[in-house]
Amino acid sequence: MSAMEFKAQDEPSLGPNARRYRIICDHGASSAVLLPGSNPLADLAVLDFLLAGHHGRQRCQCLPAMPRVATEARA
């Protein structure tokens, strides 16, 4: 298993509370943009979804070292 980097950042050009997420590892990169509705997801929940898709597409099992993200949903 290789280490990976998880990035979460605001994307104000796409609307209020929009967030861009990226996973980068030695095998490749995956990204997503989340436009939250009435029940926003915590960054760590988005990491779970993005990581599952990343593993399927990249055929790797990389793991985050220690993500520096919010643990609570953002309204």
PDB file of N, CA and C in Angstrom:
ATOM      1  N   MET A   1       0.837  -1.184   0.000  1.00  0.00           N
ATOM      2  CA  MET A   1       0.000   0.000   0.000  1.00  0.00           C
ATOM      3  C   MET A   1       0.877   1.240   0.000  1.00  0.00           C
ATOM      4  N   SER A   2       0.476   2.208  -0.761  1.00  0.00           N
ATOM      5  CA  SER A   2       1.229   3.456  -0.792  1.00  0.00           C
ATOM      6  C   SER A   2       0.445   4.545  -0.068  1.00  0.00           C
ATOM      7  N   ALA A   3       1.159   5.555   0.355  1.00  0.00           N
ATOM      8  CA  ALA A   3       0.516   6.694   1.005  1.00  0.00           C
ATOM      9  C   ALA A   3      -0.132   7.574  -0.054  1.00  0.00           C
ATOM     10  N   MET A   4      -1.123   8.325   0.358  1.00  0.00           N
ATOM     11  CA  MET A   4      -1.786   9.236  -0.562  1.00  0.00           C
ATOM     12  C   MET A   4      -2.035  10.554   0.138  1.00  0.00           C
ATOM     13  N   GLU A   5      -2.350  11.552  -0.685  1.00  0.00           N
ATOM     14  CA  GLU A   5      -2.639  12.878  -0.166  1.00  0.00           C
ATOM     15  C   GLU A   5      -4.090  13.209  -0.467  1.00  0.00           C
ATOM     16  N   PHE A   6      -4.801  13.724   0.519  1.00  0.00           N
ATOM     17  CA  PHE A   6      -6.198  14.112   0.369  1.00  0.00           C
ATOM     18  C   PHE A   6      -6.277  15.615   0.583  1.00  0.00           C
ATOM     19  N   LYS A   7      -6.852  16.323  -0.387  1.00  0.00           N
ATOM     20  CA  LYS A   7      -6.998  17.769  -0.283  1.00  0.00           C
ATOM     21  C   LYS A   7      -8.468  18.130  -0.374  1.00  0.00           C
ATOM     22  N   ALA A   8      -8.892  19.048   0.473  1.00  0.00           N
ATOM     23  CA  ALA A   8     -10.255  19.578   0.444  1.00  0.00           C
ATOM     24  C   ALA A   8     -10.145  21.094   0.515  1.00  0.00           C
ATOM     25  N   GLN A   9     -10.785  21.780  -0.415  1.00  0.00           N
ATOM     26  CA  GLN A   9     -10.709  23.241  -0.419  1.00  0.00           C
ATOM     27  C   GLN A   9     -12.020  23.836  -0.895  1.00  0.00           C
ATOM     28  N   ASP A  10     -12.310  25.044  -0.419  1.00  0.00           N
ATOM     29  CA  ASP A  10     -13.501  25.756  -0.867  1.00  0.00           C
ATOM     30  C   ASP A  10     -13.351  26.111  -2.335  1.00  0.00           C
ATOM     31  N   GLU A  11     -14.476  26.140  -3.036  1.00  0.00           N
ATOM     32  CA  GLU A  11     -14.504  26.489  -4.461  1.00  0.00           C
ATOM     33  C   GLU A  11     -15.579  27.554  -4.657  1.00  0.00           C
ATOM     34  N   PRO A  12     -15.326  28.797  -4.189  1.00  0.00           N
ATOM     35  CA  PRO A  12     -16.350  29.843  -4.219  1.00  0.00           C
ATOM     36  C   PRO A  12     -16.838  30.201  -5.615  1.00  0.00           C
ATOM     37  N   SER A  13     -16.049  29.942  -6.641  1.00  0.00           N
ATOM     38  CA  SER A  13     -16.479  30.277  -8.004  1.00  0.00           C
ATOM     39  C   SER A  13     -17.647  29.397  -8.458  1.00  0.00           C
ATOM     40  N   LEU A  14     -17.881  28.282  -7.770  1.00  0.00           N
ATOM     41  CA  LEU A  14     -18.977  27.370  -8.129  1.00  0.00           C
ATOM     42  C   LEU A  14     -20.204  27.543  -7.244  1.00  0.00           C
ATOM     43  N   GLY A  15     -20.133  28.450  -6.278  1.00  0.00           N
ATOM     44  CA  GLY A  15     -21.280  28.711  -5.421  1.00  0.00           C
ATOM     45  C   GLY A  15     -20.900  28.637  -3.957  1.00  0.00           C
ATOM     46  N   PRO A  16     -21.828  29.079  -3.105  1.00  0.00           N
ATOM     47  CA  PRO A  16     -21.544  29.063  -1.674  1.00  0.00           C
ATOM     48  C   PRO A  16     -21.411  27.633  -1.150  1.00  0.00           C
ATOM     49  N   ASN A  17     -20.426  27.423  -0.318  1.00  0.00           N
ATOM     50  CA  ASN A  17     -20.165  26.123   0.333  1.00  0.00           C
ATOM     51  C   ASN A  17     -19.738  25.014  -0.619  1.00  0.00           C
ATOM     52  N   ALA A  18     -19.425  25.337  -1.872  1.00  0.00           N
ATOM     53  CA  ALA A  18     -18.926  24.307  -2.797  1.00  0.00           C
ATOM     54  C   ALA A  18     -17.510  23.930  -2.371  1.00  0.00           C
ATOM     55  N   ARG A  19     -17.208  22.632  -2.459  1.00  0.00           N
ATOM     56  CA  ARG A  19     -15.888  22.134  -2.057  1.00  0.00           C
ATOM     57  C   ARG A  19     -15.314  21.262  -3.157  1.00  0.00           C
ATOM     58  N   ARG A  20     -14.011  21.371  -3.382  1.00  0.00           N
ATOM     59  CA  ARG A  20     -13.295  20.512  -4.326  1.00  0.00           C
ATOM     60  C   ARG A  20     -12.441  19.548  -3.510  1.00  0.00           C
ATOM     61  N   TYR A  21     -12.492  18.275  -3.888  1.00  0.00           N
ATOM     62  CA  TYR A  21     -11.750  17.230  -3.194  1.00  0.00           C
ATOM     63  C   TYR A  21     -10.820  16.548  -4.176  1.00  0.00           C
ATOM     64  N   ARG A  22      -9.606  16.223  -3.708  1.00  0.00           N
ATOM     65  CA  ARG A  22      -8.627  15.542  -4.558  1.00  0.00           C
ATOM     66  C   ARG A  22      -7.920  14.463  -3.759  1.00  0.00           C
ATOM     67  N   ILE A  23      -7.698  13.335  -4.417  1.00  0.00           N
ATOM     68  CA  ILE A  23      -6.853  12.272  -3.891  1.00  0.00           C
ATOM     69  C   ILE A  23      -5.719  12.102  -4.890  1.00  0.00           C
ATOM     70  N   ILE A  24      -4.501  12.116  -4.381  1.00  0.00           N
ATOM     71  CA  ILE A  24      -3.321  11.963  -5.232  1.00  0.00           C
ATOM     72  C   ILE A  24      -2.430  10.893  -4.613  1.00  0.00           C
ATOM     73  N   CYS A  25      -2.064   9.888  -5.414  1.00  0.00           N
ATOM     74  CA  CYS A  25      -1.138   8.857  -4.948  1.00  0.00           C
ATOM     75  C   CYS A  25      -0.183   8.516  -6.091  1.00  0.00           C
ATOM     76  N   ASP A  26       0.700   7.569  -5.856  1.00  0.00           N
ATOM     77  CA  ASP A  26       1.667   7.177  -6.879  1.00  0.00           C
ATOM     78  C   ASP A  26       0.999   6.553  -8.101  1.00  0.00           C
ATOM     79  N   HIS A  27      -0.222   6.066  -7.956  1.00  0.00           N
ATOM     80  CA  HIS A  27      -0.908   5.382  -9.051  1.00  0.00           C
ATOM     81  C   HIS A  27      -1.739   6.311  -9.919  1.00  0.00           C
ATOM     82  N   GLY A  28      -2.104   7.477  -9.390  1.00  0.00           N
ATOM     83  CA  GLY A  28      -2.928   8.398 -10.152  1.00  0.00           C
ATOM     84  C   GLY A  28      -3.643   9.381  -9.245  1.00  0.00           C
ATOM     85  N   ALA A  29      -4.620  10.060  -9.800  1.00  0.00           N
ATOM     86  CA  ALA A  29      -5.365  11.071  -9.051  1.00  0.00           C
ATOM     87  C   ALA A  29      -6.852  10.936  -9.332  1.00  0.00           C
ATOM     88  N   SER A  30      -7.650  11.311  -8.353  1.00  0.00           N
ATOM     89  CA  SER A  30      -9.107  11.352  -8.482  1.00  0.00           C
ATOM     90  C   SER A  30      -9.577  12.658  -7.869  1.00  0.00           C
ATOM     91  N   SER A  31     -10.659  13.216  -8.403  1.00  0.00           N
ATOM     92  CA  SER A  31     -11.173  14.461  -7.839  1.00  0.00           C
ATOM     93  C   SER A  31     -12.693  14.500  -7.962  1.00  0.00           C
ATOM     94  N   ALA A  32     -13.289  15.370  -7.157  1.00  0.00           N
ATOM     95  CA  ALA A  32     -14.736  15.557  -7.178  1.00  0.00           C
ATOM     96  C   ALA A  32     -15.038  16.956  -6.663  1.00  0.00           C
ATOM     97  N   VAL A  33     -16.169  17.494  -7.078  1.00  0.00           N
ATOM     98  CA  VAL A  33     -16.669  18.759  -6.556  1.00  0.00           C
ATOM     99  C   VAL A  33     -18.020  18.469  -5.944  1.00  0.00           C
ATOM    100  N   LEU A  34     -18.218  18.959  -4.723  1.00  0.00           N
ATOM    101  CA  LEU A  34     -19.471  18.735  -4.014  1.00  0.00           C
ATOM    102  C   LEU A  34     -20.194  20.058  -3.851  1.00  0.00           C
ATOM    103  N   LEU A  35     -21.421  20.104  -4.340  1.00  0.00           N
ATOM    104  CA  LEU A  35     -22.286  21.258  -4.162  1.00  0.00           C
ATOM    105  C   LEU A  35     -23.320  20.858  -3.126  1.00  0.00           C
ATOM    106  N   PRO A  36     -23.119  21.230  -1.858  1.00  0.00           N
ATOM    107  CA  PRO A  36     -23.973  20.725  -0.788  1.00  0.00           C
ATOM    108  C   PRO A  36     -25.402  21.223  -0.872  1.00  0.00           C
ATOM    109  N   GLY A  37     -26.295  20.378  -0.420  1.00  0.00           N
ATOM    110  CA  GLY A  37     -27.699  20.729  -0.332  1.00  0.00           C
ATOM    111  C   GLY A  37     -28.039  21.059   1.108  1.00  0.00           C
ATOM    112  N   SER A  38     -29.200  20.623   1.540  1.00  0.00           N
ATOM    113  CA  SER A  38     -29.650  20.946   2.890  1.00  0.00           C
ATOM    114  C   SER A  38     -28.942  20.116   3.962  1.00  0.00           C
ATOM    115  N   ASN A  39     -28.349  18.972   3.588  1.00  0.00           N
ATOM    116  CA  ASN A  39     -27.632  18.119   4.532  1.00  0.00           C
ATOM    117  C   ASN A  39     -26.200  17.921   4.061  1.00  0.00           C
ATOM    118  N   PRO A  40     -25.314  18.881   4.332  1.00  0.00           N
ATOM    119  CA  PRO A  40     -23.937  18.759   3.849  1.00  0.00           C
ATOM    120  C   PRO A  40     -23.210  17.589   4.508  1.00  0.00           C
ATOM    121  N   LEU A  41     -22.255  17.030   3.794  1.00  0.00           N
ATOM    122  CA  LEU A  41     -21.455  15.920   4.299  1.00  0.00           C
ATOM    123  C   LEU A  41     -20.156  16.440   4.895  1.00  0.00           C
ATOM    124  N   ALA A  42     -19.677  15.759   5.920  1.00  0.00           N
ATOM    125  CA  ALA A  42     -18.368  16.082   6.482  1.00  0.00           C
ATOM    126  C   ALA A  42     -17.295  15.687   5.483  1.00  0.00           C
ATOM    127  N   ASP A  43     -16.166  16.374   5.513  1.00  0.00           N
ATOM    128  CA  ASP A  43     -15.061  16.071   4.598  1.00  0.00           C
ATOM    129  C   ASP A  43     -14.619  14.611   4.725  1.00  0.00           C
ATOM    130  N   LEU A  44     -14.626  14.054   5.926  1.00  0.00           N
ATOM    131  CA  LEU A  44     -14.196  12.666   6.100  1.00  0.00           C
ATOM    132  C   LEU A  44     -15.180  11.684   5.462  1.00  0.00           C
ATOM    133  N   ALA A  45     -16.461  12.023   5.416  1.00  0.00           N
ATOM    134  CA  ALA A  45     -17.434  11.176   4.727  1.00  0.00           C
ATOM    135  C   ALA A  45     -17.188  11.217   3.223  1.00  0.00           C
ATOM    136  N   VAL A  46     -16.901  12.396   2.692  1.00  0.00           N
ATOM    137  CA  VAL A  46     -16.586  12.525   1.263  1.00  0.00           C
ATOM    138  C   VAL A  46     -15.317  11.749   0.942  1.00  0.00           C
ATOM    139  N   LEU A  47     -14.344  11.778   1.835  1.00  0.00           N
ATOM    140  CA  LEU A  47     -13.114  11.014   1.644  1.00  0.00           C
ATOM    141  C   LEU A  47     -13.436   9.534   1.470  1.00  0.00           C
ATOM    142  N   ASP A  48     -14.327   8.987   2.282  1.00  0.00           N
ATOM    143  CA  ASP A  48     -14.700   7.574   2.154  1.00  0.00           C
ATOM    144  C   ASP A  48     -15.257   7.260   0.764  1.00  0.00           C
ATOM    145  N   PHE A  49     -16.169   8.098   0.281  1.00  0.00           N
ATOM    146  CA  PHE A  49     -16.765   7.871  -1.042  1.00  0.00           C
ATOM    147  C   PHE A  49     -15.729   8.011  -2.153  1.00  0.00           C
ATOM    148  N   LEU A  50     -14.931   9.067  -2.079  1.00  0.00           N
ATOM    149  CA  LEU A  50     -13.937   9.324  -3.113  1.00  0.00           C
ATOM    150  C   LEU A  50     -12.864   8.239  -3.118  1.00  0.00           C
ATOM    151  N   LEU A  51     -12.478   7.780  -1.940  1.00  0.00           N
ATOM    152  CA  LEU A  51     -11.449   6.752  -1.841  1.00  0.00           C
ATOM    153  C   LEU A  51     -11.932   5.422  -2.425  1.00  0.00           C
ATOM    154  N   ALA A  52     -13.196   5.082  -2.216  1.00  0.00           N
ATOM    155  CA  ALA A  52     -13.736   3.845  -2.783  1.00  0.00           C
ATOM    156  C   ALA A  52     -13.680   3.876  -4.311  1.00  0.00           C
ATOM    157  N   GLY A  53     -14.082   4.989  -4.908  1.00  0.00           N
ATOM    158  CA  GLY A  53     -14.013   5.117  -6.361  1.00  0.00           C
ATOM    159  C   GLY A  53     -12.585   5.139  -6.867  1.00  0.00           C
ATOM    160  N   HIS A  54     -11.709   5.818  -6.138  1.00  0.00           N
ATOM    161  CA  HIS A  54     -10.294   5.902  -6.511  1.00  0.00           C
ATOM    162  C   HIS A  54      -9.668   4.508  -6.532  1.00  0.00           C
ATOM    163  N   HIS A  55      -9.941   3.719  -5.513  1.00  0.00           N
ATOM    164  CA  HIS A  55      -9.391   2.359  -5.458  1.00  0.00           C
ATOM    165  C   HIS A  55      -9.877   1.522  -6.637  1.00  0.00           C
ATOM    166  N   GLY A  56     -11.136   1.654  -6.996  1.00  0.00           N
ATOM    167  CA  GLY A  56     -11.666   0.902  -8.127  1.00  0.00           C
ATOM    168  C   GLY A  56     -11.064   1.305  -9.454  1.00  0.00           C
ATOM    169  N   ARG A  57     -10.896   2.607  -9.661  1.00  0.00           N
ATOM    170  CA  ARG A  57     -10.357   3.098 -10.936  1.00  0.00           C
ATOM    171  C   ARG A  57      -8.852   2.899 -11.046  1.00  0.00           C
ATOM    172  N   GLN A  58      -8.121   3.156  -9.966  1.00  0.00           N
ATOM    173  CA  GLN A  58      -6.665   3.100 -10.018  1.00  0.00           C
ATOM    174  C   GLN A  58      -6.120   1.710  -9.679  1.00  0.00           C
ATOM    175  N   ARG A  59      -6.976   0.829  -9.180  1.00  0.00           N
ATOM    176  CA  ARG A  59      -6.560  -0.527  -8.791  1.00  0.00           C
ATOM    177  C   ARG A  59      -5.434  -0.484  -7.754  1.00  0.00           C
ATOM    178  N   CYS A  60      -5.583   0.413  -6.785  1.00  0.00           N
ATOM    179  CA  CYS A  60      -4.589   0.525  -5.729  1.00  0.00           C
ATOM    180  C   CYS A  60      -5.295   0.451  -4.379  1.00  0.00           C
ATOM    181  N   GLN A  61      -4.535   0.439  -3.325  1.00  0.00           N
ATOM    182  CA  GLN A  61      -5.084   0.408  -1.972  1.00  0.00           C
ATOM    183  C   GLN A  61      -4.406   1.464  -1.104  1.00  0.00           C
ATOM    184  N   CYS A  62      -4.142   2.623  -1.685  1.00  0.00           N
ATOM    185  CA  CYS A  62      -3.483   3.690  -0.944  1.00  0.00           C
ATOM    186  C   CYS A  62      -4.356   4.143   0.221  1.00  0.00           C
ATOM    187  N   LEU A  63      -3.710   4.643   1.242  1.00  0.00           N
ATOM    188  CA  LEU A  63      -4.411   5.102   2.436  1.00  0.00           C
ATOM    189  C   LEU A  63      -3.923   6.491   2.813  1.00  0.00           C
ATOM    190  N   PRO A  64      -4.833   7.313   3.354  1.00  0.00           N
ATOM    191  CA  PRO A  64      -4.384   8.637   3.802  1.00  0.00           C
ATOM    192  C   PRO A  64      -3.512   8.508   5.039  1.00  0.00           C
ATOM    193  N   ALA A  65      -2.442   9.288   5.088  1.00  0.00           N
ATOM    194  CA  ALA A  65      -1.557   9.263   6.252  1.00  0.00           C
ATOM    195  C   ALA A  65      -2.313   9.791   7.473  1.00  0.00           C
ATOM    196  N   MET A  66      -2.774  11.004   7.415  1.00  0.00           N
ATOM    197  CA  MET A  66      -3.589  11.617   8.459  1.00  0.00           C
ATOM    198  C   MET A  66      -4.198  12.860   7.846  1.00  0.00           C
ATOM    199  N   PRO A  67      -5.413  12.739   7.291  1.00  0.00           N
ATOM    200  CA  PRO A  67      -5.988  13.884   6.576  1.00  0.00           C
ATOM    201  C   PRO A  67      -6.210  15.076   7.488  1.00  0.00           C
ATOM    202  N   ARG A  68      -5.921  16.260   6.969  1.00  0.00           N
ATOM    203  CA  ARG A  68      -6.133  17.505   7.693  1.00  0.00           C
ATOM    204  C   ARG A  68      -7.422  18.117   7.165  1.00  0.00           C
ATOM    205  N   VAL A  69      -8.552  17.589   7.622  1.00  0.00           N
ATOM    206  CA  VAL A  69      -9.850  18.038   7.125  1.00  0.00           C
ATOM    207  C   VAL A  69     -10.806  18.237   8.287  1.00  0.00           C
ATOM    208  N   ALA A  70     -11.913  18.876   8.016  1.00  0.00           N
ATOM    209  CA  ALA A  70     -12.951  19.078   9.024  1.00  0.00           C
ATOM    210  C   ALA A  70     -13.693  17.767   9.284  1.00  0.00           C
ATOM    211  N   THR A  71     -14.055  17.528  10.530  1.00  0.00           N
ATOM    212  CA  THR A  71     -14.776  16.307  10.870  1.00  0.00           C
ATOM    213  C   THR A  71     -16.276  16.555  10.999  1.00  0.00           C
ATOM    214  N   GLU A  72     -16.700  17.797  10.897  1.00  0.00           N
ATOM    215  CA  GLU A  72     -18.117  18.117  11.007  1.00  0.00           C
ATOM    216  C   GLU A  72     -18.640  18.605   9.665  1.00  0.00           C
ATOM    217  N   ALA A  73     -19.931  18.386   9.446  1.00  0.00           N
ATOM    218  CA  ALA A  73     -20.557  18.855   8.218  1.00  0.00           C
ATOM    219  C   ALA A  73     -20.547  20.380   8.195  1.00  0.00           C
ATOM    220  N   ARG A  74     -20.420  20.925   7.020  1.00  0.00           N
ATOM    221  CA  ARG A  74     -20.425  22.372   6.842  1.00  0.00           C
ATOM    222  C   ARG A  74     -21.754  22.798   6.287  1.00  0.00           C
ATOM    223  N   ALA A  75     -22.355  23.789   6.900  1.00  0.00           N
ATOM    224  CA  ALA A  75     -23.661  24.269   6.442  1.00  0.00           C
ATOM    225  C   ALA A  75     -23.494  25.390   5.456  1.00  0.00           C
TER     226      ALA A  75
END
